[in-house]
Amino acid sequence: MPAQTLTATLHVNGREHALPDLDPRTTLLDALRESLGLTGTKKGCGLGHCGACTVLADGRRILSCMALAALYEGREITTIEGLAPEGGAARPHPLQQAFVERDAFQCGYCTPGQIMSAAGLIDEGRTGSPEEIREFMSGNLCRCGAYANIVAAVADVARTPLVPGAREPEQGRS
């Protein structure tokens, strides 16, 4: 007996995408990559351990390999492709620019997940110190070991008011 399918509509990067004949077992990661062609979100471990698949759902960091696509109908999903303002190639998001300036990537495989996690982290206001950034970025693994540069890039942007929704650091924190 063939698997039963459903129709779902995902709101991704400000656009609505109808997914007819969606297998209810399809992960959000697979829907993004295979159905919508948004391959910036990477498939790492497939077990929620590495963070390469991190996207934002209603502004909160999630591991898309652990999320069923159908359960995210009606929620706003942001991928690395949607993070930059309109005309993103000409004007990258401040985090993307900081990663380049701080050489916060080597092979680049983890970079989209690192950047998406950092965007959520900044919006959550969890960037009071390098230690805090490390703690709240700890679910994103980098095989190349660019952690010091990643933390520096996140700290640079956390201090810059260019990030929409970024909160001011709490009193007593730098």
N, C-alpha and C. Protein backbone atom coordinates (compact mmCIF):
# COMPACT_ATOMS: atom_id res chain seq x y z
N MET A 1 0.84 -1.18 0.00
CA MET A 1 0.00 0.00 0.00
C MET A 1 0.89 1.25 0.00
N PRO A 2 0.70 2.16 -0.95
CA PRO A 2 1.54 3.36 -1.00
C PRO A 2 1.26 4.27 0.20
N ALA A 3 2.30 5.02 0.56
CA ALA A 3 2.17 5.94 1.69
C ALA A 3 1.15 7.02 1.34
N GLN A 4 0.35 7.37 2.33
CA GLN A 4 -0.62 8.44 2.14
C GLN A 4 0.11 9.78 2.12
N THR A 5 -0.33 10.67 1.27
CA THR A 5 0.31 11.98 1.17
C THR A 5 -0.66 13.06 1.61
N LEU A 6 -0.13 14.24 1.78
CA LEU A 6 -0.95 15.39 2.14
C LEU A 6 -0.45 16.60 1.40
N THR A 7 -1.21 17.66 1.44
CA THR A 7 -0.79 18.93 0.84
C THR A 7 -0.49 19.88 1.99
N ALA A 8 0.67 20.49 1.94
CA ALA A 8 1.06 21.46 2.96
C ALA A 8 1.55 22.72 2.27
N THR A 9 1.41 23.83 2.97
CA THR A 9 1.92 25.10 2.47
C THR A 9 2.92 25.61 3.48
N LEU A 10 4.15 25.80 3.01
CA LEU A 10 5.20 26.32 3.88
C LEU A 10 5.49 27.77 3.52
N HIS A 11 5.70 28.59 4.53
CA HIS A 11 6.11 29.98 4.35
C HIS A 11 7.62 30.02 4.58
N VAL A 12 8.36 30.15 3.50
CA VAL A 12 9.82 30.09 3.57
C VAL A 12 10.40 31.36 2.95
N ASN A 13 11.22 32.04 3.73
CA ASN A 13 11.91 33.24 3.25
C ASN A 13 10.94 34.27 2.67
N GLY A 14 9.78 34.40 3.32
CA GLY A 14 8.81 35.41 2.91
C GLY A 14 7.92 35.01 1.75
N ARG A 15 8.03 33.77 1.31
CA ARG A 15 7.21 33.30 0.19
C ARG A 15 6.43 32.07 0.60
N GLU A 16 5.28 31.91 -0.01
CA GLU A 16 4.44 30.75 0.24
C GLU A 16 4.74 29.68 -0.80
N HIS A 17 4.90 28.45 -0.33
CA HIS A 17 5.20 27.32 -1.21
C HIS A 17 4.23 26.18 -0.93
N ALA A 18 3.44 25.82 -1.94
CA ALA A 18 2.53 24.68 -1.81
C ALA A 18 3.31 23.41 -2.08
N LEU A 19 3.15 22.44 -1.24
CA LEU A 19 3.80 21.14 -1.42
C LEU A 19 2.72 20.07 -1.55
N PRO A 20 2.26 19.82 -2.77
CA PRO A 20 1.26 18.77 -2.96
C PRO A 20 1.93 17.40 -2.85
N ASP A 21 1.21 16.43 -2.45
CA ASP A 21 1.72 15.06 -2.36
C ASP A 21 2.92 14.94 -1.44
N LEU A 22 2.90 15.63 -0.33
CA LEU A 22 3.97 15.56 0.65
C LEU A 22 3.80 14.32 1.51
N ASP A 23 4.83 13.51 1.55
CA ASP A 23 4.83 12.36 2.45
C ASP A 23 4.89 12.92 3.87
N PRO A 24 3.99 12.54 4.76
CA PRO A 24 3.98 13.12 6.11
C PRO A 24 5.26 12.84 6.90
N ARG A 25 6.08 11.92 6.42
CA ARG A 25 7.34 11.59 7.10
C ARG A 25 8.50 12.46 6.62
N THR A 26 8.26 13.36 5.68
CA THR A 26 9.32 14.20 5.12
C THR A 26 9.78 15.23 6.14
N THR A 27 11.09 15.28 6.33
CA THR A 27 11.62 16.29 7.26
C THR A 27 11.59 17.66 6.60
N LEU A 28 11.62 18.66 7.42
CA LEU A 28 11.69 20.03 6.91
C LEU A 28 12.95 20.20 6.07
N LEU A 29 14.05 19.62 6.51
CA LEU A 29 15.31 19.69 5.76
C LEU A 29 15.13 19.14 4.35
N ASP A 30 14.54 17.97 4.23
CA ASP A 30 14.35 17.36 2.91
C ASP A 30 13.37 18.17 2.06
N ALA A 31 12.33 18.72 2.67
CA ALA A 31 11.39 19.55 1.92
C ALA A 31 12.10 20.79 1.38
N LEU A 32 12.91 21.42 2.21
CA LEU A 32 13.64 22.62 1.78
C LEU A 32 14.59 22.30 0.63
N ARG A 33 15.37 21.24 0.79
CA ARG A 33 16.40 20.93 -0.19
C ARG A 33 15.82 20.29 -1.45
N GLU A 34 14.97 19.30 -1.28
CA GLU A 34 14.52 18.51 -2.43
C GLU A 34 13.28 19.07 -3.11
N SER A 35 12.33 19.57 -2.35
CA SER A 35 11.10 20.08 -2.95
C SER A 35 11.21 21.54 -3.35
N LEU A 36 11.92 22.35 -2.54
CA LEU A 36 11.99 23.78 -2.82
C LEU A 36 13.31 24.21 -3.46
N GLY A 37 14.28 23.30 -3.53
CA GLY A 37 15.56 23.62 -4.16
C GLY A 37 16.43 24.57 -3.36
N LEU A 38 16.16 24.71 -2.06
CA LEU A 38 16.95 25.58 -1.19
C LEU A 38 18.05 24.74 -0.55
N THR A 39 19.16 24.62 -1.25
CA THR A 39 20.22 23.71 -0.83
C THR A 39 21.26 24.34 0.09
N GLY A 40 21.05 25.58 0.49
CA GLY A 40 21.98 26.22 1.42
C GLY A 40 21.98 25.55 2.78
N THR A 41 20.82 25.07 3.21
CA THR A 41 20.72 24.34 4.47
C THR A 41 21.34 22.96 4.23
N LYS A 42 22.32 22.61 5.04
CA LYS A 42 23.08 21.38 4.80
C LYS A 42 22.57 20.20 5.60
N LYS A 43 22.72 19.04 5.00
CA LYS A 43 22.40 17.78 5.67
C LYS A 43 23.70 17.25 6.22
N GLY A 44 23.81 17.26 7.54
CA GLY A 44 25.03 16.78 8.18
C GLY A 44 24.82 15.37 8.69
N CYS A 45 24.55 15.26 9.96
CA CYS A 45 24.44 13.95 10.59
C CYS A 45 23.06 13.32 10.43
N GLY A 46 22.02 14.12 10.24
CA GLY A 46 20.66 13.59 10.14
C GLY A 46 20.08 13.15 11.48
N LEU A 47 20.79 13.44 12.55
CA LEU A 47 20.37 13.01 13.89
C LEU A 47 20.20 14.17 14.87
N GLY A 48 20.36 15.39 14.40
CA GLY A 48 20.23 16.54 15.27
C GLY A 48 21.43 16.80 16.16
N HIS A 49 22.59 16.24 15.80
CA HIS A 49 23.78 16.40 16.63
C HIS A 49 24.74 17.48 16.14
N CYS A 50 24.71 17.83 14.86
CA CYS A 50 25.77 18.69 14.33
C CYS A 50 25.36 20.14 14.08
N GLY A 51 24.08 20.42 13.89
CA GLY A 51 23.63 21.79 13.67
C GLY A 51 23.75 22.30 12.25
N ALA A 52 24.26 21.51 11.32
CA ALA A 52 24.42 21.98 9.94
C ALA A 52 23.08 22.34 9.30
N CYS A 53 22.01 21.77 9.79
CA CYS A 53 20.68 21.99 9.21
C CYS A 53 19.88 23.08 9.91
N THR A 54 20.52 23.88 10.75
CA THR A 54 19.79 24.90 11.52
C THR A 54 19.13 25.93 10.62
N VAL A 55 17.85 26.16 10.88
CA VAL A 55 17.07 27.22 10.25
C VAL A 55 16.29 27.93 11.36
N LEU A 56 15.63 29.00 11.01
CA LEU A 56 14.78 29.70 11.99
C LEU A 56 13.33 29.40 11.67
N ALA A 57 12.56 29.08 12.68
CA ALA A 57 11.11 28.91 12.57
C ALA A 57 10.49 29.93 13.51
N ASP A 58 9.79 30.89 12.93
CA ASP A 58 9.24 32.00 13.71
C ASP A 58 10.32 32.66 14.56
N GLY A 59 11.52 32.76 13.98
CA GLY A 59 12.64 33.42 14.64
C GLY A 59 13.40 32.58 15.65
N ARG A 60 12.98 31.35 15.87
CA ARG A 60 13.65 30.47 16.84
C ARG A 60 14.49 29.43 16.09
N ARG A 61 15.64 29.12 16.62
CA ARG A 61 16.53 28.14 16.00
C ARG A 61 15.94 26.74 16.12
N ILE A 62 15.92 26.02 14.99
CA ILE A 62 15.51 24.61 15.03
C ILE A 62 16.44 23.80 14.14
N LEU A 63 16.48 22.51 14.42
CA LEU A 63 17.24 21.57 13.60
C LEU A 63 16.26 20.98 12.59
N SER A 64 16.40 21.38 11.34
CA SER A 64 15.41 20.98 10.34
C SER A 64 15.43 19.50 10.02
N CYS A 65 16.51 18.79 10.35
CA CYS A 65 16.54 17.35 10.12
C CYS A 65 15.67 16.60 11.12
N MET A 66 15.32 17.27 12.22
CA MET A 66 14.51 16.64 13.27
C MET A 66 13.06 17.12 13.26
N ALA A 67 12.70 17.96 12.29
CA ALA A 67 11.37 18.55 12.22
C ALA A 67 10.61 18.00 11.02
N LEU A 68 9.38 17.60 11.24
CA LEU A 68 8.55 17.15 10.13
C LEU A 68 7.99 18.38 9.41
N ALA A 69 8.14 18.42 8.10
CA ALA A 69 7.73 19.58 7.31
C ALA A 69 6.27 19.93 7.55
N ALA A 70 5.40 18.95 7.58
CA ALA A 70 3.97 19.20 7.71
C ALA A 70 3.62 19.92 9.01
N LEU A 71 4.43 19.75 10.03
CA LEU A 71 4.16 20.40 11.31
C LEU A 71 4.56 21.87 11.32
N TYR A 72 5.21 22.33 10.27
CA TYR A 72 5.65 23.72 10.19
C TYR A 72 4.79 24.54 9.24
N GLU A 73 3.66 23.98 8.84
CA GLU A 73 2.72 24.72 8.01
C GLU A 73 2.23 25.93 8.80
N GLY A 74 2.24 27.09 8.15
CA GLY A 74 1.76 28.31 8.79
C GLY A 74 2.80 29.03 9.63
N ARG A 75 3.98 28.48 9.76
CA ARG A 75 5.05 29.14 10.50
C ARG A 75 6.03 29.75 9.51
N GLU A 76 6.70 30.82 9.91
CA GLU A 76 7.65 31.48 9.02
C GLU A 76 9.02 30.83 9.17
N ILE A 77 9.49 30.21 8.10
CA ILE A 77 10.78 29.55 8.07
C ILE A 77 11.77 30.46 7.36
N THR A 78 12.94 30.64 7.97
CA THR A 78 14.00 31.41 7.32
C THR A 78 15.21 30.52 7.17
N THR A 79 15.71 30.44 5.94
CA THR A 79 16.91 29.67 5.64
C THR A 79 18.04 30.65 5.35
N ILE A 80 19.22 30.14 5.15
CA ILE A 80 20.37 30.99 4.84
C ILE A 80 20.10 31.82 3.58
N GLU A 81 19.35 31.28 2.63
CA GLU A 81 19.04 32.02 1.40
C GLU A 81 18.16 33.23 1.69
N GLY A 82 17.39 33.19 2.74
CA GLY A 82 16.47 34.27 3.07
C GLY A 82 16.98 35.24 4.11
N LEU A 83 18.17 35.01 4.62
CA LEU A 83 18.70 35.85 5.70
C LEU A 83 19.15 37.22 5.20
N ALA A 84 19.78 37.26 4.05
CA ALA A 84 20.27 38.53 3.51
C ALA A 84 19.09 39.40 3.08
N PRO A 85 19.25 40.71 3.17
CA PRO A 85 18.18 41.58 2.68
C PRO A 85 18.00 41.40 1.19
N GLU A 86 16.93 41.95 0.64
CA GLU A 86 16.70 41.88 -0.81
C GLU A 86 17.98 42.25 -1.54
N GLY A 87 18.26 41.54 -2.61
CA GLY A 87 19.50 41.79 -3.35
C GLY A 87 20.70 41.27 -2.57
N GLY A 88 20.52 40.13 -1.88
CA GLY A 88 21.51 39.58 -0.96
C GLY A 88 22.92 39.42 -1.50
N ALA A 89 23.06 39.14 -2.79
CA ALA A 89 24.41 38.97 -3.33
C ALA A 89 25.17 40.29 -3.26
N ALA A 90 24.46 41.39 -3.47
CA ALA A 90 25.11 42.70 -3.43
C ALA A 90 25.27 43.19 -1.99
N ARG A 91 24.35 42.80 -1.12
CA ARG A 91 24.35 43.28 0.26
C ARG A 91 24.12 42.10 1.20
N PRO A 92 25.15 41.41 1.61
CA PRO A 92 24.94 40.26 2.50
C PRO A 92 24.47 40.71 3.87
N HIS A 93 23.90 39.78 4.60
CA HIS A 93 23.51 40.02 5.98
C HIS A 93 24.78 40.33 6.78
N PRO A 94 24.69 41.16 7.82
CA PRO A 94 25.88 41.47 8.61
C PRO A 94 26.60 40.23 9.15
N LEU A 95 25.89 39.17 9.47
CA LEU A 95 26.57 37.95 9.93
C LEU A 95 27.37 37.32 8.80
N GLN A 96 26.81 37.28 7.62
CA GLN A 96 27.54 36.72 6.48
C GLN A 96 28.82 37.54 6.23
N GLN A 97 28.69 38.85 6.31
CA GLN A 97 29.85 39.72 6.11
C GLN A 97 30.88 39.51 7.21
N ALA A 98 30.44 39.40 8.45
CA ALA A 98 31.36 39.19 9.57
C ALA A 98 32.08 37.85 9.46
N PHE A 99 31.40 36.82 8.99
CA PHE A 99 32.05 35.52 8.81
C PHE A 99 33.16 35.62 7.79
N VAL A 100 32.94 36.39 6.72
CA VAL A 100 33.98 36.59 5.71
C VAL A 100 35.13 37.39 6.31
N GLU A 101 34.81 38.50 6.96
CA GLU A 101 35.85 39.37 7.51
C GLU A 101 36.68 38.68 8.59
N ARG A 102 36.06 37.82 9.39
CA ARG A 102 36.76 37.14 10.48
C ARG A 102 37.31 35.78 10.06
N ASP A 103 37.16 35.42 8.80
CA ASP A 103 37.59 34.11 8.31
C ASP A 103 37.02 33.02 9.21
N ALA A 104 35.71 33.10 9.44
CA ALA A 104 35.03 32.20 10.36
C ALA A 104 34.51 30.93 9.69
N PHE A 105 35.15 30.55 8.63
CA PHE A 105 34.80 29.29 7.96
C PHE A 105 36.05 28.78 7.26
N GLN A 106 36.09 27.49 7.06
CA GLN A 106 37.18 26.93 6.28
C GLN A 106 36.59 26.14 5.14
N CYS A 107 36.08 24.95 5.40
CA CYS A 107 35.48 24.20 4.30
C CYS A 107 34.11 24.78 3.94
N GLY A 108 33.46 25.46 4.89
CA GLY A 108 32.19 26.12 4.63
C GLY A 108 30.96 25.26 4.82
N TYR A 109 31.13 23.97 5.09
CA TYR A 109 29.96 23.10 5.18
C TYR A 109 29.04 23.47 6.34
N CYS A 110 29.61 23.79 7.48
CA CYS A 110 28.80 24.12 8.65
C CYS A 110 28.34 25.57 8.65
N THR A 111 28.89 26.40 7.77
CA THR A 111 28.68 27.84 7.82
C THR A 111 27.21 28.25 7.77
N PRO A 112 26.37 27.72 6.88
CA PRO A 112 24.97 28.15 6.89
C PRO A 112 24.30 27.88 8.25
N GLY A 113 24.52 26.72 8.81
CA GLY A 113 23.94 26.40 10.12
C GLY A 113 24.50 27.27 11.22
N GLN A 114 25.79 27.55 11.15
CA GLN A 114 26.43 28.43 12.14
C GLN A 114 25.81 29.83 12.06
N ILE A 115 25.66 30.34 10.86
CA ILE A 115 25.12 31.69 10.68
C ILE A 115 23.67 31.75 11.13
N MET A 116 22.88 30.75 10.78
CA MET A 116 21.47 30.75 11.19
C MET A 116 21.35 30.64 12.70
N SER A 117 22.18 29.81 13.30
CA SER A 117 22.16 29.70 14.76
C SER A 117 22.57 31.02 15.40
N ALA A 118 23.58 31.67 14.83
CA ALA A 118 24.04 32.96 15.36
C ALA A 118 22.96 34.02 15.23
N ALA A 119 22.21 34.01 14.13
CA ALA A 119 21.12 34.98 13.96
C ALA A 119 20.08 34.80 15.05
N GLY A 120 19.72 33.55 15.35
CA GLY A 120 18.78 33.29 16.42
C GLY A 120 19.34 33.67 17.78
N LEU A 121 20.59 33.36 17.98
CA LEU A 121 21.28 33.66 19.23
C LEU A 121 21.29 35.16 19.51
N ILE A 122 21.59 35.95 18.50
CA ILE A 122 21.62 37.39 18.65
C ILE A 122 20.21 37.91 18.99
N ASP A 123 19.21 37.39 18.27
CA ASP A 123 17.84 37.83 18.52
C ASP A 123 17.38 37.44 19.94
N GLU A 124 17.88 36.33 20.44
CA GLU A 124 17.54 35.90 21.80
C GLU A 124 18.26 36.72 22.86
N GLY A 125 19.25 37.51 22.45
CA GLY A 125 20.00 38.32 23.41
C GLY A 125 21.00 37.52 24.21
N ARG A 126 21.54 36.47 23.63
CA ARG A 126 22.47 35.59 24.34
C ARG A 126 23.90 35.79 23.87
N THR A 127 24.32 37.04 23.81
CA THR A 127 25.66 37.34 23.30
C THR A 127 26.41 38.26 24.26
N GLY A 128 26.21 38.08 25.55
CA GLY A 128 26.82 38.96 26.53
C GLY A 128 28.31 38.79 26.71
N SER A 129 28.84 37.64 26.33
CA SER A 129 30.28 37.39 26.48
C SER A 129 30.67 36.29 25.49
N PRO A 130 31.97 36.17 25.22
CA PRO A 130 32.41 35.06 24.36
C PRO A 130 32.01 33.70 24.93
N GLU A 131 32.05 33.57 26.24
CA GLU A 131 31.67 32.30 26.87
C GLU A 131 30.20 31.99 26.62
N GLU A 132 29.36 33.02 26.74
CA GLU A 132 27.92 32.83 26.50
C GLU A 132 27.67 32.45 25.05
N ILE A 133 28.36 33.12 24.12
CA ILE A 133 28.21 32.79 22.70
C ILE A 133 28.62 31.33 22.48
N ARG A 134 29.76 30.93 23.03
CA ARG A 134 30.22 29.54 22.87
C ARG A 134 29.18 28.55 23.41
N GLU A 135 28.65 28.86 24.59
CA GLU A 135 27.67 27.96 25.21
C GLU A 135 26.44 27.79 24.33
N PHE A 136 25.90 28.90 23.84
CA PHE A 136 24.65 28.83 23.07
C PHE A 136 24.86 28.47 21.61
N MET A 137 26.11 28.42 21.15
CA MET A 137 26.42 27.93 19.81
C MET A 137 26.95 26.50 19.87
N SER A 138 26.99 25.90 21.04
CA SER A 138 27.64 24.59 21.21
C SER A 138 26.96 23.47 20.43
N GLY A 139 25.75 23.64 20.00
CA GLY A 139 25.09 22.61 19.21
C GLY A 139 25.47 22.63 17.74
N ASN A 140 26.30 23.57 17.34
CA ASN A 140 26.75 23.66 15.96
C ASN A 140 28.22 23.28 15.89
N LEU A 141 28.47 22.15 15.27
CA LEU A 141 29.83 21.64 15.20
C LEU A 141 30.54 22.09 13.94
N CYS A 142 31.83 22.33 14.06
CA CYS A 142 32.67 22.72 12.93
C CYS A 142 33.83 21.73 12.88
N ARG A 143 33.90 20.95 11.82
CA ARG A 143 34.96 19.96 11.69
C ARG A 143 36.33 20.61 11.52
N CYS A 144 36.35 21.82 10.98
CA CYS A 144 37.62 22.50 10.73
C CYS A 144 38.16 23.25 11.94
N GLY A 145 37.32 23.45 12.95
CA GLY A 145 37.79 24.09 14.18
C GLY A 145 37.89 25.60 14.10
N ALA A 146 37.01 26.25 13.38
CA ALA A 146 37.05 27.70 13.24
C ALA A 146 36.30 28.41 14.38
N TYR A 147 36.17 27.75 15.51
CA TYR A 147 35.33 28.27 16.60
C TYR A 147 35.72 29.66 17.08
N ALA A 148 36.98 29.93 17.26
CA ALA A 148 37.39 31.25 17.76
C ALA A 148 36.96 32.35 16.80
N ASN A 149 37.10 32.11 15.52
CA ASN A 149 36.70 33.11 14.53
C ASN A 149 35.19 33.24 14.44
N ILE A 150 34.48 32.13 14.62
CA ILE A 150 33.01 32.16 14.62
C ILE A 150 32.52 33.01 15.79
N VAL A 151 33.07 32.78 16.97
CA VAL A 151 32.67 33.55 18.16
C VAL A 151 32.97 35.03 17.94
N ALA A 152 34.13 35.35 17.37
CA ALA A 152 34.49 36.74 17.11
C ALA A 152 33.52 37.38 16.13
N ALA A 153 33.12 36.66 15.09
CA ALA A 153 32.18 37.20 14.10
C ALA A 153 30.81 37.46 14.74
N VAL A 154 30.35 36.53 15.55
CA VAL A 154 29.07 36.70 16.23
C VAL A 154 29.13 37.89 17.18
N ALA A 155 30.21 38.00 17.93
CA ALA A 155 30.37 39.12 18.87
C ALA A 155 30.40 40.45 18.12
N ASP A 156 31.07 40.49 16.96
CA ASP A 156 31.10 41.72 16.17
C ASP A 156 29.69 42.18 15.81
N VAL A 157 28.90 41.25 15.32
CA VAL A 157 27.56 41.60 14.87
C VAL A 157 26.63 41.88 16.04
N ALA A 158 26.82 41.19 17.14
CA ALA A 158 25.97 41.40 18.31
C ALA A 158 26.10 42.83 18.84
N ARG A 159 27.25 43.44 18.62
CA ARG A 159 27.47 44.82 19.06
C ARG A 159 27.01 45.85 18.04
N THR A 160 26.59 45.38 16.86
CA THR A 160 26.20 46.27 15.77
C THR A 160 24.68 46.35 15.70
N PRO A 161 24.10 47.53 15.65
CA PRO A 161 22.64 47.65 15.61
C PRO A 161 22.04 47.36 14.23
N LEU A 162 22.82 46.77 13.31
CA LEU A 162 22.32 46.49 11.96
C LEU A 162 21.45 45.25 11.88
N VAL A 163 21.46 44.42 12.90
CA VAL A 163 20.71 43.18 12.86
C VAL A 163 19.28 43.44 13.30
N PRO A 164 18.29 43.24 12.41
CA PRO A 164 16.90 43.48 12.80
C PRO A 164 16.54 42.60 14.00
N GLY A 165 15.93 43.19 14.98
CA GLY A 165 15.46 42.45 16.15
C GLY A 165 16.52 42.21 17.20
N ALA A 166 17.77 42.61 16.95
CA ALA A 166 18.82 42.36 17.94
C ALA A 166 18.54 43.17 19.20
N ARG A 167 18.72 42.54 20.31
CA ARG A 167 18.48 43.20 21.59
C ARG A 167 19.76 43.83 22.08
N GLU A 168 19.62 44.89 22.84
CA GLU A 168 20.77 45.51 23.47
C GLU A 168 21.30 44.58 24.56
N PRO A 169 22.61 44.54 24.78
CA PRO A 169 23.15 43.71 25.84
C PRO A 169 22.60 44.18 27.19
N GLU A 170 22.46 43.21 28.11
CA GLU A 170 21.98 43.54 29.45
C GLU A 170 23.04 44.37 30.16
N GLN A 171 22.61 45.18 31.14
CA GLN A 171 23.53 45.99 31.92
C GLN A 171 24.57 45.09 32.56
N GLY A 172 25.80 45.56 32.58
CA GLY A 172 26.87 44.81 33.23
C GLY A 172 27.54 43.80 32.31
N ARG A 173 27.02 43.65 31.08
CA ARG A 173 27.64 42.72 30.14
C ARG A 173 28.26 43.50 29.01
N SER A 174 29.32 42.94 28.47
CA SER A 174 29.96 43.62 27.33
C SER A 174 29.80 42.83 26.08
